[in-house]
Amino acid sequence: MGKSIPQYLGQLDIRKSVVSLATGAGAIYLLYKAIKAGIKCKPPLCTNSPICIARECPGPGERALPQEAPAPEASAVGGPKGLAVERERHGRDSGELRRLLNSLECKQDEYAKSMILHSITRCVYLLEAEASACTTDDIVLLGYMLDDKDNSVKTQALNTLKAFSGIRKFRLKIQEHSIKVLELISTIWDTELHIAGLRLLNNLPLPDYVHPQLRRVMPALMEILQSDYILAQVQAVRLLSYLAQKNDLLYDILNCQVHSNFLNLLQPTQPGSLLYEVLVFAERLSEGRNAPHYRVVKWHYNEQSLHESLFGEESRLADRLLALVIHPEEDVQIQACKVIVSLQYPQDLRSRPSSCQPSRSYFKNTE
């Protein structure tokens, strides 16, 4: 070879350095190309897909602002360009809600319809002026969504109708869907749908012509109340408390069949929100059954009825109430006292306010 070992190793080190230098230069060049391509990249075109109202999207075929864009610039007419909420605050219609409603009329798959409805619901809450500018035809369109084959679409449509029900001029039109909503609640066992439907009903004054349908769905409402889903239970018992004040529905509620462990709803371990609503329900029932016009009739109840569970000879309601007097939440304590007072003084309950205090000694003196 003619070379000594030290000379050979030195030459090898030089070659390695050259290779390393070339490799590093190549990596830097590739990184430069990637950064350059990213800078030249333009935002995607907007489509008719569900639009997030937190980003400006002028319309199909136009470029959207990137998420990292700086503060919106002022437009030629002096209004801000950017957030739809900002535009409405400055008295300008962003057109966001109208675009979403128009896109709902186009043929969409179930997922797209569900997402569009969700976006409409948010717009109604956030863009008050645009929501108020909608028409009853928009409510009719949303009502059609209740007949969709997909439960998630039905649920989102119920949420959207609930949002619109906060606007007075739409309430009568939304009331027309009450029977359909009750039908969905009673025939489909879906917790999210139950919550959405019951929230809508609880936000509406139910007309008398709905009462026959309410009688038919009473068992379903009672089943939801006795389920294990707190949010659905709370909404169901709120509706039942409202209906308990209707003279023509009181007997149907009291005679409705319940599970043998119905009073477990009044266990101290239940969430305070549920306990409070069930106690309000019990108070309304107690007041109603002791009203003069109800007592003049001799009613007959089946053995497994709500009446027998709460007010029958073998009921353990008193034990449950006394245990709730020392509940950690004051609202629950006070409401338990109100139920006890309604049971002890049925004749003059309406004529004088309760002086019940949430203390244990009060009930010892009463007993």
Protein backbone atom coordinates (compact mmCIF):
# COMPACT_ATOMS: atom_id res chain seq x y z
CA MET A 1 0.00 0.00 0.00
CA GLY A 2 2.97 2.35 0.69
CA LYS A 3 1.14 4.18 3.51
CA SER A 4 1.72 3.99 7.20
CA ILE A 5 -1.15 3.32 9.56
CA PRO A 6 -1.23 6.91 10.98
CA GLN A 7 -1.40 8.34 7.45
CA TYR A 8 -4.28 6.01 6.55
CA LEU A 9 -6.32 6.93 9.66
CA GLY A 10 -5.79 10.65 9.06
CA GLN A 11 -7.12 10.37 5.51
CA LEU A 12 -10.13 8.42 6.78
CA ASP A 13 -10.99 11.19 9.31
CA ILE A 14 -10.89 13.79 6.55
CA ARG A 15 -13.32 11.77 4.44
CA LYS A 16 -15.73 11.43 7.38
CA SER A 17 -15.68 15.18 7.96
CA VAL A 18 -16.45 15.85 4.31
CA VAL A 19 -19.39 13.37 4.37
CA SER A 20 -20.74 14.89 7.59
CA LEU A 21 -20.49 18.40 6.16
CA ALA A 22 -22.34 17.37 3.01
CA THR A 23 -25.06 15.63 5.00
CA GLY A 24 -25.58 18.70 7.21
CA ALA A 25 -25.78 20.99 4.20
CA GLY A 26 -28.39 18.73 2.61
CA ALA A 27 -30.51 18.74 5.74
CA ILE A 28 -30.39 22.54 5.94
CA TYR A 29 -31.41 22.81 2.30
CA LEU A 30 -34.38 20.49 2.82
CA LEU A 31 -35.46 22.48 5.88
CA TYR A 32 -35.22 25.71 3.83
CA LYS A 33 -37.46 24.24 1.12
CA ALA A 34 -40.06 23.11 3.68
CA ILE A 35 -40.20 26.59 5.29
CA LYS A 36 -40.44 28.27 1.89
CA ALA A 37 -43.29 25.98 0.83
CA GLY A 38 -45.13 26.72 4.07
CA ILE A 39 -44.84 30.47 3.57
CA LYS A 40 -46.21 30.24 0.03
CA CYS A 41 -49.09 27.95 1.09
CA LYS A 42 -52.51 29.67 0.96
CA PRO A 43 -55.44 29.01 3.30
CA PRO A 44 -58.00 26.48 2.04
CA LEU A 45 -61.08 27.52 0.18
CA CYS A 46 -64.28 27.85 2.19
CA THR A 47 -67.05 25.40 1.44
CA ASN A 48 -70.59 24.86 2.58
CA SER A 49 -69.41 22.70 5.44
CA PRO A 50 -70.32 23.74 9.01
CA ILE A 51 -68.67 27.05 9.84
CA CYS A 52 -67.12 27.98 13.14
CA ILE A 53 -68.41 31.44 13.96
CA ALA A 54 -65.12 32.31 15.63
CA ARG A 55 -63.49 32.59 12.18
CA GLU A 56 -64.34 34.83 9.25
CA CYS A 57 -65.57 32.90 6.22
CA PRO A 58 -67.04 35.31 3.62
CA GLY A 59 -68.61 32.65 1.42
CA PRO A 60 -68.04 29.69 -0.89
CA GLY A 61 -65.00 30.12 -3.09
CA GLU A 62 -63.38 32.86 -1.02
CA ARG A 63 -60.31 32.56 1.14
CA ALA A 64 -60.66 32.31 4.90
CA LEU A 65 -58.41 34.11 7.32
CA PRO A 66 -55.82 31.76 8.84
CA GLN A 67 -56.18 31.05 12.53
CA GLU A 68 -52.92 32.85 13.23
CA ALA A 69 -54.09 36.02 11.48
CA PRO A 70 -53.55 39.32 13.33
CA ALA A 71 -56.35 41.50 14.65
CA PRO A 72 -59.11 42.12 12.06
CA GLU A 73 -58.64 45.15 9.86
CA ALA A 74 -61.21 47.89 9.54
CA SER A 75 -63.38 47.64 6.44
CA ALA A 76 -64.16 50.45 4.03
CA VAL A 77 -67.42 51.27 5.82
CA GLY A 78 -65.75 51.46 9.20
CA GLY A 79 -66.85 48.10 10.56
CA PRO A 80 -64.47 45.39 11.71
CA LYS A 81 -63.70 42.37 9.59
CA GLY A 82 -63.29 39.12 11.50
CA LEU A 83 -65.40 37.54 14.23
CA ALA A 84 -69.11 37.30 13.52
CA VAL A 85 -69.78 38.27 17.13
CA GLU A 86 -67.63 41.37 16.72
CA ARG A 87 -69.49 42.35 13.58
CA GLU A 88 -72.86 42.13 15.30
CA ARG A 89 -71.59 44.15 18.24
CA HIS A 90 -70.83 46.92 15.78
CA GLY A 91 -74.30 46.70 14.25
CA ARG A 92 -73.40 44.69 11.16
CA ASP A 93 -75.01 41.45 10.01
CA SER A 94 -72.31 38.83 9.50
CA GLY A 95 -74.67 36.63 7.51
CA GLU A 96 -73.33 33.63 9.42
CA LEU A 97 -76.67 32.31 10.65
CA ARG A 98 -78.37 32.77 7.27
CA ARG A 99 -75.58 30.87 5.48
CA LEU A 100 -75.92 27.99 7.91
CA LEU A 101 -79.70 27.81 7.52
CA ASN A 102 -79.35 27.90 3.74
CA SER A 103 -76.79 25.10 3.83
CA LEU A 104 -79.23 23.03 5.86
CA GLU A 105 -81.63 23.08 2.92
CA CYS A 106 -79.01 21.42 0.70
CA LYS A 107 -78.61 17.67 0.62
CA GLN A 108 -76.27 16.73 3.45
CA ASP A 109 -75.29 13.51 5.18
CA GLU A 110 -76.30 12.93 8.80
CA TYR A 111 -72.98 14.03 10.28
CA ALA A 112 -72.97 17.28 8.28
CA LYS A 113 -76.57 18.05 9.26
CA SER A 114 -75.78 17.41 12.89
CA MET A 115 -72.77 19.74 12.82
CA ILE A 116 -74.66 22.47 10.94
CA LEU A 117 -77.49 22.32 13.50
CA HIS A 118 -74.95 22.55 16.31
CA SER A 119 -73.43 25.65 14.71
CA ILE A 120 -76.89 27.19 14.23
CA THR A 121 -77.62 26.67 17.92
CA ARG A 122 -74.45 28.53 18.90
CA CYS A 123 -75.25 31.33 16.47
CA VAL A 124 -78.74 31.79 17.93
CA TYR A 125 -77.27 32.24 21.40
CA LEU A 126 -74.39 34.48 20.32
CA LEU A 127 -75.86 36.47 17.42
CA GLU A 128 -79.08 37.76 18.92
CA ALA A 129 -79.93 40.27 16.19
CA GLU A 130 -79.44 37.75 13.40
CA ALA A 131 -81.49 35.16 15.27
CA SER A 132 -84.35 37.63 15.75
CA ALA A 133 -84.28 38.39 12.02
CA CYS A 134 -85.08 34.78 11.17
CA THR A 135 -88.59 33.78 10.11
CA THR A 136 -91.13 31.12 10.98
CA ASP A 137 -90.11 29.34 7.77
CA ASP A 138 -86.77 28.68 9.43
CA ILE A 139 -88.58 27.10 12.39
CA VAL A 140 -90.54 24.91 9.96
CA LEU A 141 -87.26 23.81 8.37
CA LEU A 142 -85.88 22.87 11.79
CA GLY A 143 -89.09 20.99 12.53
CA TYR A 144 -88.48 18.81 9.47
CA MET A 145 -85.21 17.71 11.05
CA LEU A 146 -87.20 16.01 13.83
CA ASP A 147 -88.23 13.38 11.25
CA ASP A 148 -84.66 12.55 10.30
CA LYS A 149 -83.71 8.90 10.63
CA ASP A 150 -80.58 9.72 12.66
CA ASN A 151 -81.04 10.32 16.40
CA SER A 152 -78.12 12.74 16.61
CA VAL A 153 -79.78 14.97 13.99
CA LYS A 154 -83.04 14.86 15.96
CA THR A 155 -81.16 15.76 19.15
CA GLN A 156 -79.36 18.71 17.57
CA ALA A 157 -82.63 19.93 16.03
CA LEU A 158 -84.23 19.87 19.49
CA ASN A 159 -81.32 21.88 20.87
CA THR A 160 -81.71 24.42 18.06
CA LEU A 161 -85.45 24.77 18.66
CA LYS A 162 -84.69 25.25 22.37
CA ALA A 163 -82.34 28.11 21.44
CA PHE A 164 -84.99 29.75 19.24
CA SER A 165 -87.64 29.31 21.94
CA GLY A 166 -85.90 32.06 23.88
CA ILE A 167 -87.16 34.51 21.24
CA ARG A 168 -90.79 35.38 21.98
CA LYS A 169 -92.05 35.62 18.41
CA PHE A 170 -91.09 32.00 17.67
CA ARG A 171 -92.69 30.34 20.70
CA LEU A 172 -96.13 29.73 19.23
CA LYS A 173 -94.62 28.17 16.11
CA ILE A 174 -92.32 25.97 18.17
CA GLN A 175 -95.28 24.91 20.35
CA GLU A 176 -96.75 23.25 17.28
CA HIS A 177 -93.98 20.67 17.52
CA SER A 178 -94.79 19.77 21.16
CA ILE A 179 -96.69 16.59 20.27
CA LYS A 180 -93.86 15.44 18.00
CA VAL A 181 -91.31 16.09 20.75
CA LEU A 182 -93.37 14.07 23.24
CA GLU A 183 -93.59 11.25 20.71
CA LEU A 184 -89.81 11.20 20.29
CA ILE A 185 -89.24 11.17 24.03
CA SER A 186 -91.64 8.30 24.60
CA THR A 187 -90.62 6.07 21.68
CA ILE A 188 -86.82 6.47 21.50
CA TRP A 189 -84.66 5.47 24.45
CA ASP A 190 -81.75 7.84 23.94
CA THR A 191 -80.48 9.85 26.89
CA GLU A 192 -79.18 12.82 24.89
CA LEU A 193 -82.44 13.04 22.97
CA HIS A 194 -84.41 12.87 26.23
CA ILE A 195 -82.40 15.72 27.72
CA ALA A 196 -82.74 17.89 24.61
CA GLY A 197 -86.46 17.23 24.22
CA LEU A 198 -87.30 17.79 27.88
CA ARG A 199 -85.25 20.99 28.01
CA LEU A 200 -87.27 22.28 25.08
CA LEU A 201 -90.61 21.35 26.67
CA ASN A 202 -89.57 22.92 29.97
CA ASN A 203 -88.88 26.17 28.15
CA LEU A 204 -92.36 26.32 26.59
CA PRO A 205 -95.87 26.89 27.98
CA LEU A 206 -97.66 23.72 26.89
CA PRO A 207 -101.15 24.35 25.47
CA ASP A 208 -104.19 22.39 26.65
CA TYR A 209 -104.52 20.47 23.37
CA VAL A 210 -101.28 18.67 24.25
CA HIS A 211 -102.73 17.20 27.47
CA PRO A 212 -104.12 14.01 25.85
CA GLN A 213 -100.66 13.24 24.48
CA LEU A 214 -99.14 14.02 27.87
CA ARG A 215 -101.38 11.39 29.47
CA ARG A 216 -100.15 8.82 26.99
CA VAL A 217 -96.47 9.57 27.61
CA MET A 218 -96.76 9.80 31.40
CA PRO A 219 -95.33 6.28 31.94
CA ALA A 220 -92.33 7.15 29.76
CA LEU A 221 -91.70 10.34 31.73
CA MET A 222 -91.84 8.35 34.96
CA GLU A 223 -89.37 5.82 33.56
CA ILE A 224 -86.93 8.58 32.64
CA LEU A 225 -87.28 9.97 36.16
CA GLN A 226 -86.34 6.57 37.59
CA SER A 227 -83.39 6.03 35.23
CA ASP A 228 -79.74 6.49 36.22
CA TYR A 229 -79.00 9.58 34.14
CA ILE A 230 -79.06 12.65 36.39
CA LEU A 231 -79.51 15.33 33.72
CA ALA A 232 -82.43 13.48 32.14
CA GLN A 233 -83.97 12.81 35.57
CA VAL A 234 -83.80 16.47 36.54
CA GLN A 235 -85.46 17.58 33.31
CA ALA A 236 -88.16 14.91 33.60
CA VAL A 237 -89.10 15.79 37.18
CA ARG A 238 -89.21 19.50 36.32
CA LEU A 239 -91.75 18.78 33.60
CA LEU A 240 -93.75 16.55 35.94
CA SER A 241 -93.75 19.27 38.60
CA TYR A 242 -95.19 21.69 36.06
CA LEU A 243 -97.84 19.19 34.96
CA ALA A 244 -98.79 18.42 38.58
CA GLN A 245 -100.25 21.91 38.76
CA LYS A 246 -102.73 21.08 35.98
CA ASN A 247 -106.00 19.92 37.54
CA ASP A 248 -106.87 17.57 34.68
CA LEU A 249 -103.48 15.83 34.81
CA LEU A 250 -102.97 15.45 38.56
CA TYR A 251 -104.77 12.12 38.90
CA ASP A 252 -102.93 10.67 35.88
CA ILE A 253 -99.63 11.52 37.53
CA LEU A 254 -100.59 10.18 40.97
CA ASN A 255 -101.96 6.95 39.52
CA CYS A 256 -98.95 6.36 37.28
CA GLN A 257 -97.15 3.10 38.05
CA VAL A 258 -93.67 3.39 39.58
CA HIS A 259 -90.96 1.00 40.72
CA SER A 260 -91.09 -0.35 44.26
CA ASN A 261 -87.87 1.54 45.07
CA PHE A 262 -89.16 4.92 43.86
CA LEU A 263 -88.28 6.58 47.19
CA ASN A 264 -84.62 5.87 46.50
CA LEU A 265 -84.80 9.15 44.59
CA LEU A 266 -84.93 10.79 48.02
CA GLN A 267 -81.87 9.07 49.41
CA PRO A 268 -79.41 11.62 50.91
CA THR A 269 -76.70 10.20 48.64
CA GLN A 270 -78.47 11.48 45.53
CA PRO A 271 -77.11 14.68 43.92
CA GLY A 272 -78.51 17.81 45.52
CA SER A 273 -79.92 19.11 42.22
CA LEU A 274 -82.03 15.97 41.79
CA LEU A 275 -83.11 15.86 45.45
CA TYR A 276 -84.33 19.45 45.30
CA GLU A 277 -86.40 18.89 42.14
CA VAL A 278 -87.96 15.66 43.45
CA LEU A 279 -88.89 17.44 46.68
CA VAL A 280 -90.53 20.26 44.69
CA PHE A 281 -92.45 17.59 42.79
CA ALA A 282 -93.57 15.95 46.06
CA GLU A 283 -94.71 19.31 47.42
CA ARG A 284 -96.77 20.06 44.30
CA LEU A 285 -98.41 16.64 44.49
CA SER A 286 -99.16 17.06 48.18
CA GLU A 287 -100.74 20.47 47.59
CA GLY A 288 -102.74 19.20 44.65
CA ARG A 289 -104.19 16.11 46.31
CA ASN A 290 -105.27 18.19 49.33
CA ALA A 291 -106.94 20.92 47.28
CA PRO A 292 -110.72 21.14 47.96
CA HIS A 293 -111.76 20.47 44.37
CA TYR A 294 -109.63 17.30 44.29
CA ARG A 295 -110.74 15.97 47.67
CA VAL A 296 -114.44 16.05 46.80
CA VAL A 297 -113.89 13.08 44.48
CA LYS A 298 -113.11 9.62 45.83
CA TRP A 299 -110.15 8.56 43.73
CA HIS A 300 -108.90 5.00 43.42
CA TYR A 301 -105.22 4.25 42.91
CA ASN A 302 -103.48 1.05 41.90
CA GLU A 303 -101.19 -0.59 44.44
CA GLN A 304 -97.98 0.31 42.61
CA SER A 305 -98.97 3.91 41.91
CA LEU A 306 -96.96 7.01 42.68
CA HIS A 307 -99.68 8.00 45.15
CA GLU A 308 -99.21 4.84 47.20
CA SER A 309 -95.43 5.16 47.10
CA LEU A 310 -95.54 8.73 48.42
CA PHE A 311 -98.74 9.02 50.44
CA GLY A 312 -99.93 5.45 51.05
CA GLU A 313 -100.22 3.86 54.51
CA GLU A 314 -97.00 1.87 54.03
CA SER A 315 -95.01 4.75 52.52
CA ARG A 316 -91.59 5.56 54.00
CA LEU A 317 -91.71 9.16 52.80
CA ALA A 318 -91.59 10.58 56.33
CA ASP A 319 -88.31 8.78 57.06
CA ARG A 320 -86.78 10.09 53.87
CA LEU A 321 -87.86 13.65 54.63
CA LEU A 322 -86.49 13.64 58.16
CA ALA A 323 -83.15 12.39 56.86
CA LEU A 324 -83.03 15.26 54.37
CA VAL A 325 -83.59 17.92 57.04
CA ILE A 326 -79.90 17.63 57.93
CA HIS A 327 -78.71 17.47 54.32
CA PRO A 328 -75.53 19.52 53.69
CA GLU A 329 -77.27 21.67 51.04
CA GLU A 330 -79.54 24.33 52.46
CA ASP A 331 -81.93 24.35 49.49
CA VAL A 332 -82.60 20.66 50.05
CA GLN A 333 -83.18 21.21 53.78
CA ILE A 334 -85.68 24.01 53.19
CA GLN A 335 -87.55 22.10 50.50
CA ALA A 336 -87.80 19.01 52.70
CA CYS A 337 -89.33 21.23 55.40
CA LYS A 338 -91.85 22.56 52.91
CA VAL A 339 -92.97 19.06 52.01
CA ILE A 340 -93.39 18.15 55.69
CA VAL A 341 -95.46 21.29 56.28
CA SER A 342 -97.66 20.51 53.27
CA LEU A 343 -98.30 17.05 54.68
CA GLN A 344 -99.09 18.29 58.19
CA TYR A 345 -101.13 21.38 57.33
CA PRO A 346 -102.89 20.67 54.04
CA GLN A 347 -105.88 22.94 54.67
CA ASP A 348 -104.13 26.27 55.14
CA LEU A 349 -100.93 25.66 53.18
CA ARG A 350 -101.96 28.09 50.45
CA SER A 351 -103.13 30.80 52.84
CA ARG A 352 -100.00 31.27 54.93
CA PRO A 353 -96.26 31.15 54.22
CA SER A 354 -94.18 28.39 55.74
CA SER A 355 -92.12 29.37 58.79
CA CYS A 356 -90.05 26.21 58.48
CA GLN A 357 -86.35 26.59 59.16
CA PRO A 358 -83.69 24.11 58.04
CA SER A 359 -82.81 22.91 61.54
CA ARG A 360 -83.13 19.58 63.25
CA SER A 361 -84.64 21.02 66.46
CA TYR A 362 -87.62 22.40 64.52
CA PHE A 363 -88.77 18.92 63.56
CA LYS A 364 -88.24 17.57 67.06
CA ASN A 365 -90.61 20.23 68.33
CA THR A 366 -93.06 19.52 65.53
CA GLU A 367 -93.07 15.82 66.22
